[in-house]
Amino acid sequence: MLVLTRKKNEAIQIGEDIEIKVIEIEGDQIKLGIDAPKAIDIYRKEIYADIQKQNNEAVNVSMDLLQLLKDKDDR
């Protein structure tokens, strides 16, 4: 993991298209501004993890349904 130190109004550039800028620092929180192409999805980590969990659950339900249909056809 790359660890960088930034101050207010300083930024990090990722490739040519993504810039992450420190907008505000208040206590133990920072406010970040992210400038990226609209085609790139940006989520808070906990939201992304929840989306992944929901996707995995949906796949499992689909697999269960497929198995039920297969079992029905085998009868």
C-alpha atoms as a PDB file:
ATOM      1  CA  MET A   1       0.000   0.000   0.000  1.00  0.00           C
ATOM      2  CA  LEU A   2       1.272   3.425  -0.927  1.00  0.00           C
ATOM      3  CA  VAL A   3       0.916   5.892   1.958  1.00  0.00           C
ATOM      4  CA  LEU A   4       1.062   9.614   1.175  1.00  0.00           C
ATOM      5  CA  THR A   5       0.819  12.667   3.391  1.00  0.00           C
ATOM      6  CA  ARG A   6      -1.259  15.566   2.095  1.00  0.00           C
ATOM      7  CA  LYS A   7      -2.318  18.898   3.577  1.00  0.00           C
ATOM      8  CA  LYS A   8      -5.480  20.900   2.944  1.00  0.00           C
ATOM      9  CA  ASN A   9      -5.811  21.843  -0.752  1.00  0.00           C
ATOM     10  CA  GLU A  10      -3.139  19.333  -1.799  1.00  0.00           C
ATOM     11  CA  ALA A  11      -4.035  16.517  -4.166  1.00  0.00           C
ATOM     12  CA  ILE A  12      -3.088  13.077  -5.403  1.00  0.00           C
ATOM     13  CA  GLN A  13      -3.200  12.293  -9.117  1.00  0.00           C
ATOM     14  CA  ILE A  14      -4.093   8.765 -10.253  1.00  0.00           C
ATOM     15  CA  GLY A  15      -3.294   8.275 -13.920  1.00  0.00           C
ATOM     16  CA  GLU A  16      -4.377  11.086 -16.213  1.00  0.00           C
ATOM     17  CA  ASP A  17      -8.057  11.122 -15.266  1.00  0.00           C
ATOM     18  CA  ILE A  18      -8.410  10.939 -11.482  1.00  0.00           C
ATOM     19  CA  GLU A  19      -7.525  13.570  -8.912  1.00  0.00           C
ATOM     20  CA  ILE A  20      -8.220  13.280  -5.188  1.00  0.00           C
ATOM     21  CA  LYS A  21      -7.956  16.554  -3.281  1.00  0.00           C
ATOM     22  CA  VAL A  22      -8.052  17.230   0.464  1.00  0.00           C
ATOM     23  CA  ILE A  23     -10.830  19.806   0.808  1.00  0.00           C
ATOM     24  CA  GLU A  24     -11.156  20.133   4.571  1.00  0.00           C
ATOM     25  CA  ILE A  25      -9.657  18.706   7.745  1.00  0.00           C
ATOM     26  CA  GLU A  26     -11.746  18.864  10.908  1.00  0.00           C
ATOM     27  CA  GLY A  27     -10.780  16.847  13.977  1.00  0.00           C
ATOM     28  CA  ASP A  28     -10.376  13.206  12.974  1.00  0.00           C
ATOM     29  CA  GLN A  29     -12.287  13.622   9.702  1.00  0.00           C
ATOM     30  CA  ILE A  30     -11.188  14.811   6.298  1.00  0.00           C
ATOM     31  CA  LYS A  31     -13.308  15.864   3.350  1.00  0.00           C
ATOM     32  CA  LEU A  32     -12.044  14.646  -0.009  1.00  0.00           C
ATOM     33  CA  GLY A  33     -12.940  15.906  -3.456  1.00  0.00           C
ATOM     34  CA  ILE A  34     -12.673  13.346  -6.256  1.00  0.00           C
ATOM     35  CA  ASP A  35     -12.472  14.447  -9.872  1.00  0.00           C
ATOM     36  CA  ALA A  36     -12.909  11.426 -12.124  1.00  0.00           C
ATOM     37  CA  PRO A  37     -14.683  10.511 -15.370  1.00  0.00           C
ATOM     38  CA  LYS A  38     -18.417   9.846 -14.965  1.00  0.00           C
ATOM     39  CA  ALA A  39     -17.898   6.313 -16.260  1.00  0.00           C
ATOM     40  CA  ILE A  40     -15.963   5.430 -13.091  1.00  0.00           C
ATOM     41  CA  ASP A  41     -18.113   4.342 -10.137  1.00  0.00           C
ATOM     42  CA  ILE A  42     -16.976   5.782  -6.807  1.00  0.00           C
ATOM     43  CA  TYR A  43     -18.331   4.406  -3.521  1.00  0.00           C
ATOM     44  CA  ARG A  44     -17.524   4.618   0.154  1.00  0.00           C
ATOM     45  CA  LYS A  45     -15.856   1.334   1.115  1.00  0.00           C
ATOM     46  CA  GLU A  46     -18.731   0.115   3.316  1.00  0.00           C
ATOM     47  CA  ILE A  47     -21.260   0.784   0.539  1.00  0.00           C
ATOM     48  CA  TYR A  48     -19.087  -1.064  -2.002  1.00  0.00           C
ATOM     49  CA  ALA A  49     -18.771  -4.042   0.361  1.00  0.00           C
ATOM     50  CA  ASP A  50     -22.564  -4.099   0.800  1.00  0.00           C
ATOM     51  CA  ILE A  51     -23.092  -4.033  -2.980  1.00  0.00           C
ATOM     52  CA  GLN A  52     -20.674  -6.948  -3.385  1.00  0.00           C
ATOM     53  CA  LYS A  53     -22.467  -8.891  -0.637  1.00  0.00           C
ATOM     54  CA  GLN A  54     -25.850  -8.314  -2.291  1.00  0.00           C
ATOM     55  CA  ASN A  55     -24.472  -9.368  -5.678  1.00  0.00           C
ATOM     56  CA  ASN A  56     -23.052 -12.577  -4.186  1.00  0.00           C
ATOM     57  CA  GLU A  57     -26.367 -13.341  -2.480  1.00  0.00           C
ATOM     58  CA  ALA A  58     -28.218 -12.786  -5.765  1.00  0.00           C
ATOM     59  CA  VAL A  59     -25.870 -15.184  -7.546  1.00  0.00           C
ATOM     60  CA  ASN A  60     -26.442 -17.806  -4.848  1.00  0.00           C
ATOM     61  CA  VAL A  61     -30.231 -17.456  -5.147  1.00  0.00           C
ATOM     62  CA  SER A  62     -29.949 -17.759  -8.938  1.00  0.00           C
ATOM     63  CA  MET A  63     -27.826 -20.877  -8.591  1.00  0.00           C
ATOM     64  CA  ASP A  64     -30.341 -22.356  -6.129  1.00  0.00           C
ATOM     65  CA  LEU A  65     -33.198 -21.646  -8.560  1.00  0.00           C
ATOM     66  CA  LEU A  66     -31.280 -23.210 -11.433  1.00  0.00           C
ATOM     67  CA  GLN A  67     -30.662 -26.308  -9.338  1.00  0.00           C
ATOM     68  CA  LEU A  68     -34.362 -26.540  -8.465  1.00  0.00           C
ATOM     69  CA  LEU A  69     -35.285 -26.273 -12.141  1.00  0.00           C
ATOM     70  CA  LYS A  70     -32.716 -28.895 -13.073  1.00  0.00           C
ATOM     71  CA  ASP A  71     -33.992 -31.241 -10.361  1.00  0.00           C
ATOM     72  CA  LYS A  72     -37.556 -30.748 -11.614  1.00  0.00           C
ATOM     73  CA  ASP A  73     -36.515 -31.592 -15.185  1.00  0.00           C
ATOM     74  CA  ASP A  74     -34.671 -34.715 -14.008  1.00  0.00           C
ATOM     75  CA  ARG A  75     -37.861 -36.198 -12.528  1.00  0.00           C
END
